[in-house]
Protein backbone atom coordinates (compact mmCIF):
# COMPACT_ATOMS: atom_id res chain seq x y z
CA UNK A 1 -59.64 53.68 23.68
CA UNK A 2 -59.56 52.02 20.10
CA UNK A 3 -61.30 48.92 21.51
CA UNK A 4 -64.17 51.16 22.89
CA UNK A 5 -64.20 53.08 19.59
CA UNK A 6 -64.60 49.83 17.50
CA UNK A 7 -67.40 48.55 19.93
CA UNK A 8 -69.19 51.84 19.46
CA UNK A 9 -68.82 51.81 15.71
CA UNK A 10 -70.20 48.15 15.57
CA UNK A 11 -72.97 48.94 17.88
CA UNK A 12 -74.15 52.03 15.80
CA UNK A 13 -73.71 50.12 12.47
CA UNK A 14 -75.69 47.12 13.82
CA UNK A 15 -78.44 49.33 15.23
CA UNK A 16 -79.00 50.83 11.86
CA UNK A 17 -78.73 47.50 10.06
CA UNK A 18 -81.25 46.07 12.59
CA UNK A 19 -83.78 48.74 11.94
CA UNK A 20 -83.44 48.16 8.31
CA UNK A 21 -83.69 44.45 8.47
CA UNK A 22 -86.70 44.63 10.86
CA UNK A 23 -88.32 47.19 8.30
CA UNK A 24 -87.62 45.07 5.38
CA UNK A 25 -89.04 41.91 7.12
CA UNK A 26 -92.08 43.73 8.25
CA UNK A 27 -92.64 45.22 4.95
CA UNK A 28 -92.36 41.87 3.10
CA UNK A 29 -94.93 40.34 5.73
CA UNK A 30 -97.37 43.05 5.54
CA UNK A 31 -97.21 43.25 1.73
CA UNK A 32 -97.72 39.41 1.50
CA UNK A 33 -100.60 39.57 4.07
CA UNK A 34 -102.07 42.57 2.07
CA UNK A 35 -101.84 40.71 -1.10
CA UNK A 36 -103.46 37.54 0.27
CA UNK A 37 -106.26 39.60 1.75
CA UNK A 38 -106.74 41.26 -1.58
CA UNK A 39 -107.04 37.90 -3.23
CA UNK A 40 -109.57 36.83 -0.67
CA UNK A 41 -111.62 39.90 -1.10
CA UNK A 42 -111.66 39.33 -4.92
CA UNK A 43 -113.01 35.82 -4.38
CA UNK A 44 -115.68 37.16 -1.97
CA UNK A 45 -116.74 39.85 -4.42
CA UNK A 46 -116.89 37.18 -7.07
CA UNK A 47 -118.97 34.83 -5.04
CA UNK A 48 -121.20 37.46 -3.70
CA UNK A 49 -122.00 38.67 -7.29
CA UNK A 50 -122.50 35.21 -8.66
CA UNK A 51 -124.69 34.17 -5.55
CA UNK A 52 -126.85 37.26 -5.84
CA UNK A 53 -127.57 36.73 -9.46
CA UNK A 54 -128.57 33.19 -9.01
CA UNK A 55 -130.84 34.06 -6.10
CA UNK A 56 -133.23 31.50 -4.85
CA UNK A 57 -134.24 30.41 -8.30
CA UNK A 58 -132.71 26.89 -7.69
CA UNK A 59 -131.27 24.84 -4.94
CA UNK A 60 -127.54 23.91 -4.71
CA UNK A 61 -128.17 20.17 -4.90
CA UNK A 62 -130.09 20.67 -8.22
CA UNK A 63 -127.07 22.22 -9.76
CA UNK A 64 -124.98 19.06 -9.30
CA UNK A 65 -127.17 16.91 -11.66
CA UNK A 66 -126.12 16.62 -15.34
CA UNK A 67 -129.62 17.46 -16.39
CA UNK A 68 -129.11 20.70 -14.87
CA UNK A 69 -126.18 21.46 -17.03
CA UNK A 70 -127.76 20.36 -20.22
CA UNK A 71 -131.40 21.73 -19.85
CA UNK A 72 -131.91 23.76 -23.20
CA UNK A 73 -134.96 25.58 -21.60
CA UNK A 74 -132.87 27.05 -18.77
CA UNK A 75 -132.51 30.88 -18.96
CA UNK A 76 -129.18 32.11 -20.14
CA UNK A 77 -128.78 34.26 -17.17
CA UNK A 78 -129.15 31.36 -14.78
CA UNK A 79 -126.84 29.16 -16.81
CA UNK A 80 -124.13 31.91 -16.61
CA UNK A 81 -124.70 32.15 -12.77
CA UNK A 82 -124.38 28.47 -12.37
CA UNK A 83 -121.16 28.43 -14.38
CA UNK A 84 -119.70 31.21 -12.21
CA UNK A 85 -120.60 29.64 -9.02
CA UNK A 86 -119.24 26.16 -10.23
CA UNK A 87 -115.96 27.75 -11.02
CA UNK A 88 -113.10 26.13 -8.93
CA UNK A 89 -111.79 28.29 -6.14
CA UNK A 90 -108.45 28.04 -4.07
CA UNK A 91 -110.08 29.13 -0.93
CA UNK A 92 -113.25 27.48 0.57
CA UNK A 93 -116.18 29.93 0.78
CA UNK A 94 -119.90 29.58 1.68
CA UNK A 95 -122.68 31.88 1.29
CA UNK A 96 -125.22 32.62 4.10
CA UNK A 97 -128.55 34.54 3.77
CA UNK A 98 -131.55 35.23 5.90
CA UNK A 99 -134.95 34.55 4.31
CA UNK A 100 -138.28 36.78 4.72
CA UNK A 101 -139.25 34.73 7.79
CA UNK A 102 -135.90 35.76 9.46
CA UNK A 103 -134.38 32.29 9.40
CA UNK A 104 -130.78 31.95 8.52
CA UNK A 105 -129.98 29.65 5.45
CA UNK A 106 -126.73 28.32 4.14
CA UNK A 107 -126.68 28.84 0.49
CA UNK A 108 -124.10 27.92 -2.08
CA UNK A 109 -120.38 26.97 -1.41
CA UNK A 110 -117.32 26.53 -3.23
CA UNK A 111 -117.51 22.90 -3.15
CA UNK A 112 -121.21 22.49 -3.71
CA UNK A 113 -121.47 19.69 -1.13
CA UNK A 114 -124.48 19.75 1.03
CA UNK A 115 -123.75 21.30 4.37
CA UNK A 116 -125.10 19.18 7.21
CA UNK A 117 -124.09 21.32 10.13
CA UNK A 118 -125.31 24.78 9.49
CA UNK A 119 -125.21 25.86 13.23
CA UNK A 120 -121.70 27.47 13.05
CA UNK A 121 -122.64 29.39 9.82
CA UNK A 122 -125.85 30.57 11.42
CA UNK A 123 -123.83 31.85 14.49
CA UNK A 124 -121.50 33.43 12.13
CA UNK A 125 -124.09 35.22 10.33
CA UNK A 126 -125.43 36.57 13.60
CA UNK A 127 -121.96 37.91 14.58
CA UNK A 128 -121.65 39.55 11.09
CA UNK A 129 -124.84 41.36 11.52
CA UNK A 130 -124.00 42.43 14.94
CA UNK A 131 -120.55 43.94 13.58
CA UNK A 132 -122.36 46.15 11.08
CA UNK A 133 -119.20 46.11 9.05
CA UNK A 134 -119.02 45.21 5.16
CA UNK A 135 -115.81 43.21 5.47
CA UNK A 136 -113.86 41.93 8.27
CA UNK A 137 -112.74 38.69 10.24
CA UNK A 138 -114.72 36.50 12.72
CA UNK A 139 -113.96 33.39 14.57
CA UNK A 140 -116.42 30.58 14.92
CA UNK A 141 -115.62 27.26 16.67
CA UNK A 142 -111.95 28.12 16.52
CA UNK A 143 -112.13 28.66 12.73
CA UNK A 144 -111.25 32.11 11.38
CA UNK A 145 -113.22 33.52 8.40
CA UNK A 146 -112.96 36.54 6.52
CA UNK A 147 -116.57 37.89 5.18
CA UNK A 148 -118.22 40.14 2.88
CA UNK A 149 -121.67 41.42 3.95
CA UNK A 150 -124.06 43.13 1.58
CA UNK A 151 -127.70 43.50 1.24
CA UNK A 152 -128.51 40.82 3.96
CA UNK A 153 -126.17 38.35 2.35
CA UNK A 154 -122.86 37.05 3.59
CA UNK A 155 -120.20 35.30 2.01
CA UNK A 156 -117.49 33.64 4.28
CA UNK A 157 -114.05 32.37 3.42
CA UNK A 158 -112.13 30.12 5.46
CA UNK A 159 -108.98 31.94 6.50
CA UNK A 160 -107.21 29.38 8.50
CA UNK A 161 -105.20 28.01 5.61
CA UNK A 162 -104.00 31.47 4.75
CA UNK A 163 -103.35 32.04 8.36
CA UNK A 164 -101.17 29.18 8.69
CA UNK A 165 -99.45 30.06 5.40
CA UNK A 166 -98.75 33.55 6.78
CA UNK A 167 -97.60 32.04 10.06
CA UNK A 168 -95.16 29.87 8.08
CA UNK A 169 -94.00 32.91 6.08
CA UNK A 170 -93.52 34.93 9.23
CA UNK A 171 -91.32 32.15 10.78
CA UNK A 172 -89.19 31.85 7.64
CA UNK A 173 -88.81 35.75 7.51
CA UNK A 174 -87.66 35.78 11.24
CA UNK A 175 -85.21 32.95 10.60
CA UNK A 176 -83.78 34.44 7.51
CA UNK A 177 -83.59 37.77 9.17
CA UNK A 178 -81.91 36.40 12.23
CA UNK A 179 -79.37 34.58 10.09
CA UNK A 180 -78.68 37.68 8.07
CA UNK A 181 -78.31 39.76 11.19
CA UNK A 182 -75.66 37.22 12.60
CA UNK A 183 -73.87 37.29 9.41
CA UNK A 184 -73.81 40.96 9.24
CA UNK A 185 -72.80 41.20 12.70
CA UNK A 186 -69.73 38.98 12.08
CA UNK A 187 -68.90 41.06 8.89
CA UNK A 188 -69.21 44.24 11.00
CA UNK A 189 -67.04 43.07 13.65
CA UNK A 190 -64.30 42.17 11.12
CA UNK A 191 -64.77 45.31 9.20
CA UNK A 192 -64.82 47.47 12.29
CA UNK A 193 -61.05 46.36 12.70
CA UNK A 194 -60.48 47.80 9.24
CA UNK A 195 -62.25 50.92 9.79
CA UNK A 196 -60.51 51.85 12.83
CA UNK A 197 -56.98 50.83 11.60
CA UNK A 198 -56.21 54.37 10.34
CA UNK A 199 -57.28 55.78 13.55
CA UNK A 200 -55.37 53.27 15.56
CA UNK A 201 -52.34 53.95 13.50
CA UNK A 202 -52.76 57.87 13.99
CA UNK A 203 -53.24 57.36 17.68
CA UNK A 204 -50.25 55.31 17.93
CA UNK A 205 -48.26 57.76 15.97
CA UNK A 206 -49.42 60.42 18.28
CA UNK A 207 -48.37 58.46 21.37
CA UNK A 208 -44.95 57.79 19.81
CA UNK A 209 -44.60 61.55 18.80
CA UNK A 210 -45.22 62.70 22.46
CA UNK A 211 -42.95 59.96 23.77
CA UNK A 212 -40.16 60.81 21.31
CA UNK A 213 -40.67 64.47 21.84
CA UNK A 214 -40.35 64.14 25.63
CA UNK A 215 -37.28 61.97 25.21
CA UNK A 216 -35.65 64.62 22.86
CA UNK A 217 -36.60 67.39 25.12
CA UNK A 218 -35.33 65.50 28.24
CA UNK A 219 -31.74 65.30 27.15
CA UNK A 220 -30.96 68.99 26.86
CA UNK A 221 -33.05 69.79 29.94
CA UNK A 222 -30.68 67.39 31.75
CA UNK A 223 -27.66 69.04 30.37
CA UNK A 224 -29.01 72.52 31.29
CA UNK A 225 -29.94 71.47 34.65
CA UNK A 226 -26.39 69.79 35.27
CA UNK A 227 -24.75 73.06 34.12
CA UNK A 228 -26.86 75.17 36.41
CA UNK A 229 -25.91 72.97 39.36
CA UNK A 230 -22.29 73.38 38.60
CA UNK A 231 -22.57 77.29 38.33
CA UNK A 232 -24.67 77.27 41.54
CA UNK A 233 -21.95 75.16 43.30
CA UNK A 234 -19.41 77.95 42.69
CA UNK A 235 -21.30 81.09 43.72
CA UNK A 236 -18.02 83.08 44.24
CA UNK A 237 -16.69 82.78 40.77
CA UNK A 238 -17.26 85.46 38.26
CA UNK A 239 -19.27 84.93 35.12
CA UNK A 240 -16.22 85.04 32.81
CA UNK A 241 -14.77 82.09 34.92
CA UNK A 242 -17.82 80.04 34.22
CA UNK A 243 -18.37 80.81 30.68
CA UNK A 244 -17.84 77.36 29.49
CA UNK A 245 -21.11 76.27 31.55
CA UNK A 246 -23.06 79.05 29.90
CA UNK A 247 -22.01 78.01 26.69
CA UNK A 248 -23.17 74.54 27.18
CA UNK A 249 -26.58 76.01 28.27
CA UNK A 250 -26.77 78.21 25.36
CA UNK A 251 -26.03 75.33 22.92
CA UNK A 252 -28.69 73.02 24.54
CA UNK A 253 -31.10 75.98 24.46
CA UNK A 254 -30.55 76.47 20.77
CA UNK A 255 -31.17 72.67 20.19
CA UNK A 256 -34.45 72.83 22.13
CA UNK A 257 -35.62 75.89 20.18
CA UNK A 258 -34.80 74.13 16.97
CA UNK A 259 -36.64 71.04 18.16
CA UNK A 260 -39.76 72.94 19.21
CA UNK A 261 -39.70 75.03 16.07
CA UNK A 262 -39.86 71.85 13.99
CA UNK A 263 -42.68 70.36 16.12
CA UNK A 264 -44.81 73.57 16.02
CA UNK A 265 -44.30 73.50 12.19
CA UNK A 266 -45.54 70.06 11.88
CA UNK A 267 -48.40 70.61 14.42
CA UNK A 268 -49.50 73.68 12.40
CA UNK A 269 -49.53 71.96 9.13
CA UNK A 270 -51.52 68.83 10.53
CA UNK A 271 -54.24 71.48 11.66
CA UNK A 272 -54.11 73.15 8.19
CA UNK A 273 -53.80 69.88 6.30
CA UNK A 274 -57.31 70.30 4.65
CA UNK A 275 -56.74 73.95 3.66
CA UNK A 276 -54.90 75.05 0.58
CA UNK A 277 -53.76 78.49 2.01
CA UNK A 278 -50.05 78.14 0.89
CA UNK A 279 -49.03 81.20 -1.39
CA UNK A 280 -47.73 79.92 -4.67
CA UNK A 281 -45.95 81.91 -7.30
CA UNK A 282 -44.10 81.02 -10.48
CA UNK A 283 -40.38 80.99 -9.87
CA UNK A 284 -36.99 79.74 -11.14
CA UNK A 285 -36.30 76.43 -9.24
CA UNK A 286 -32.92 76.00 -10.79
CA UNK A 287 -31.84 79.29 -9.50
CA UNK A 288 -33.21 78.42 -5.92
CA UNK A 289 -31.42 75.08 -6.04
CA UNK A 290 -28.17 76.56 -6.97
CA UNK A 291 -28.37 78.86 -4.11
CA UNK A 292 -28.99 76.19 -1.56
CA UNK A 293 -26.31 74.06 -3.02
CA UNK A 294 -23.84 76.91 -2.80
CA UNK A 295 -24.53 77.41 0.93
CA UNK A 296 -23.71 73.71 1.63
CA UNK A 297 -20.40 73.54 -0.30
CA UNK A 298 -18.37 74.66 2.63
CA UNK A 299 -20.11 72.21 5.04
CA UNK A 300 -19.59 69.37 2.67
CA UNK A 301 -15.86 70.21 2.14
CA UNK A 302 -15.37 70.55 5.81
CA UNK A 303 -16.68 66.98 6.43
CA UNK A 304 -14.50 65.64 3.63
CA UNK A 305 -17.36 64.88 1.34
CA UNK A 306 -18.04 65.71 -2.34
CA UNK A 307 -21.11 67.77 -3.41
CA UNK A 308 -21.90 67.37 -7.15
CA UNK A 309 -24.53 69.33 -8.89
CA UNK A 310 -26.27 68.92 -12.27
CA UNK A 311 -28.72 71.56 -12.58
CA UNK A 312 -30.49 72.30 -15.73
CA UNK A 313 -31.08 75.98 -16.28
CA UNK A 314 -34.46 77.76 -16.41
CA UNK A 315 -36.51 74.99 -14.66
CA UNK A 316 -39.70 76.78 -13.72
CA UNK A 317 -42.33 75.69 -11.29
CA UNK A 318 -45.39 77.09 -9.31
CA UNK A 319 -45.13 76.74 -5.43
CA UNK A 320 -44.21 78.33 -2.24
CA UNK A 321 -40.61 79.47 -2.96
CA UNK A 322 -39.69 79.61 0.70
CA UNK A 323 -40.88 76.34 1.60
CA UNK A 324 -39.49 74.51 -1.36
CA UNK A 325 -36.16 76.04 -0.59
CA UNK A 326 -36.44 74.55 2.78
CA UNK A 327 -37.23 71.10 1.29
CA UNK A 328 -34.06 71.27 -0.81
CA UNK A 329 -32.11 72.33 2.32
CA UNK A 330 -33.37 69.30 4.31
CA UNK A 331 -32.66 66.86 1.41
CA UNK A 332 -28.95 68.18 0.89
CA UNK A 333 -28.30 68.32 4.71
CA UNK A 334 -29.69 64.78 5.17
CA UNK A 335 -27.50 63.53 2.35
CA UNK A 336 -24.36 65.02 3.99
CA UNK A 337 -25.29 63.64 7.43
CA UNK A 338 -25.99 60.18 6.26
CA UNK A 339 -23.40 59.51 3.62
CA UNK A 340 -20.38 57.53 4.33
CA UNK A 341 -16.93 58.85 5.17
CA UNK A 342 -15.54 60.61 2.08
CA UNK A 343 -18.95 60.09 0.37
CA UNK A 344 -20.59 61.62 -2.50
CA UNK A 345 -23.66 63.77 -2.60
CA UNK A 346 -25.23 64.46 -5.94
CA UNK A 347 -27.94 67.05 -6.69
CA UNK A 348 -29.68 66.86 -10.12
CA UNK A 349 -32.47 68.97 -11.33
CA UNK A 350 -34.29 68.51 -14.75
CA UNK A 351 -37.52 68.87 -16.43
CA UNK A 352 -39.16 65.55 -17.53
CA UNK A 353 -42.57 65.64 -19.38
CA UNK A 354 -43.49 69.07 -18.11
CA UNK A 355 -42.52 68.21 -14.58
CA UNK A 356 -39.63 69.63 -12.47
CA UNK A 357 -37.65 66.52 -11.05
CA UNK A 358 -35.16 67.15 -8.34
CA UNK A 359 -33.04 64.22 -7.39
CA UNK A 360 -30.71 64.06 -4.14
CA UNK A 361 -28.67 61.13 -3.69
CA UNK A 362 -25.84 60.02 -1.45
CA UNK A 363 -23.40 57.12 -1.11
CA UNK A 364 -23.64 55.12 2.02
CA UNK A 365 -25.28 51.73 3.17
CA UNK A 366 -28.28 50.16 1.54
CA UNK A 367 -31.59 50.75 3.48
CA UNK A 368 -33.94 47.87 4.17
CA UNK A 369 -37.46 47.75 3.17
CA UNK A 370 -38.53 48.52 6.82
CA UNK A 371 -36.32 51.62 6.85
CA UNK A 372 -37.57 52.84 3.56
CA UNK A 373 -41.25 52.49 4.77
CA UNK A 374 -40.50 54.60 7.86
CA UNK A 375 -37.95 57.09 6.65
CA UNK A 376 -40.58 59.88 6.51
CA UNK A 377 -42.14 59.06 9.89
CA UNK A 378 -41.61 61.63 12.73
CA UNK A 379 -38.80 61.23 15.07
CA UNK A 380 -37.72 58.12 13.06
CA UNK A 381 -33.80 57.68 13.04
CA UNK A 382 -32.16 55.24 10.84
CA UNK A 383 -29.41 53.02 12.43
CA UNK A 384 -26.82 55.28 14.05
CA UNK A 385 -24.06 53.46 12.54
CA UNK A 386 -24.94 54.81 9.43
CA UNK A 387 -23.23 58.12 8.96
CA UNK A 388 -20.88 59.95 11.13
CA UNK A 389 -23.29 62.94 12.36
CA UNK A 390 -25.59 61.77 14.98
CA UNK A 391 -27.32 65.14 15.52
CA UNK A 392 -31.09 65.73 14.43
CA UNK A 393 -34.29 64.65 15.77
CA UNK A 394 -35.70 62.65 12.89
CA UNK A 395 -38.22 65.37 11.87
CA UNK A 396 -36.50 66.75 8.97
CA UNK A 397 -37.50 64.35 6.23
CA UNK A 398 -41.07 64.36 7.76
CA UNK A 399 -41.09 68.07 7.23
CA UNK A 400 -39.76 67.67 3.76
CA UNK A 401 -42.72 65.28 2.81
CA UNK A 402 -45.15 67.70 4.35
CA UNK A 403 -43.78 70.47 2.29
CA UNK A 404 -43.95 68.42 -0.86
CA UNK A 405 -47.66 67.50 -0.41
CA UNK A 406 -48.58 71.10 0.29
CA UNK A 407 -46.92 72.16 -3.05
CA UNK A 408 -48.78 69.41 -5.01
CA UNK A 409 -45.66 67.57 -5.27
CA UNK A 410 -44.41 63.91 -4.55
CA UNK A 411 -41.37 62.97 -2.61
CA UNK A 412 -40.10 59.37 -2.60
CA UNK A 413 -36.99 57.38 -1.75
CA UNK A 414 -35.23 54.39 -2.96
CA UNK A 415 -31.94 52.59 -2.03
CA UNK A 416 -29.95 50.31 -4.30
CA UNK A 417 -27.54 47.45 -3.67
CA UNK A 418 -24.60 49.91 -4.09
CA UNK A 419 -25.61 51.82 -1.16
CA UNK A 420 -26.95 54.81 -2.92
CA UNK A 421 -29.81 56.31 -1.38
CA UNK A 422 -31.95 58.47 -3.64
CA UNK A 423 -34.65 61.06 -2.87
CA UNK A 424 -36.82 62.11 -5.75
CA UNK A 425 -39.02 65.21 -5.74
CA UNK A 426 -41.42 65.73 -8.59
CA UNK A 427 -43.88 68.47 -9.12
């Protein structure tokens, strides 16, 4: 499932990126093409204007002689037209006209060299007249031209060089886009693993949750089934004579009920995790903590352990009193269960920098880094050799962590070399 999700995420992201890359590449190409066409059109406009002003007052070959450039009797308008026509151009162009007799003539060109083969340009002029469009493209003898046609005059610019340049540009854009696409594909494939990692972890935790829950429920169900079989194998005995089996069934039923209650609590909190609907009030946390500690004094004494308290008075906080009382209950109960024989459980409450700080510590065995990182995981149980009480389902500390977060608090754990494990709750 995670692999399919990773593939789907990669496919969606790459589809979007492919569209973006294609759009950017096409945009660059068409902008460059539009720019080249614009420059060509400017050249055609310039050549058309200069050629029209020069008219038929002189022949192109006359313009090449030095005497033509130095003739003082030459009219200024004609001199300016000649200067404009002789301005160097990046693109080869040529002017074509039709005279009064209907004959097509090749006029000036960007290079001012005499045109010996005028047939292609005559054919080009015929095509331009037939198209009846002011600007456009034509192809004559495998040469592509962009033209401007006005008042019976046509100026043609050789577009082959620009076309070759645009073809090279297109090829470069395709190569760069393909390379970028491949690099992005590699990056997305790598990132997809990072993207789905939290989902994979949540999915694995959910699988572990169901597996552990099934295991925990299976044990009491097995005991209940065995006791029912014993009762049914002695149908002639009275209920009072089989009370022991009924007591076993009742005890296992209570265990199952407690487990299911804890599971339902965590499930409900998961669904409501994004909602802040916990009723919060201002209350005396010192009084609440003292009440919980008082309830555990008898249990600690019965198990031969010492419960020590250091609770500063009038430590006020804002939160859900019932839930925070449950959190304290879980931490103290955990300390009693997992402390060593004759161990010491210490509960300390104080105000530090306007924050209520509750510390519950117990003596025992030092926890490893791996144990500390998983101590709040659901159904996680620390090595059974640690502590004499093996009851519990590994949900208590997970519930305590959930309560702390719901009440805008923070619950952490640490363990030192002396074997003292300390839970610190701040809010």
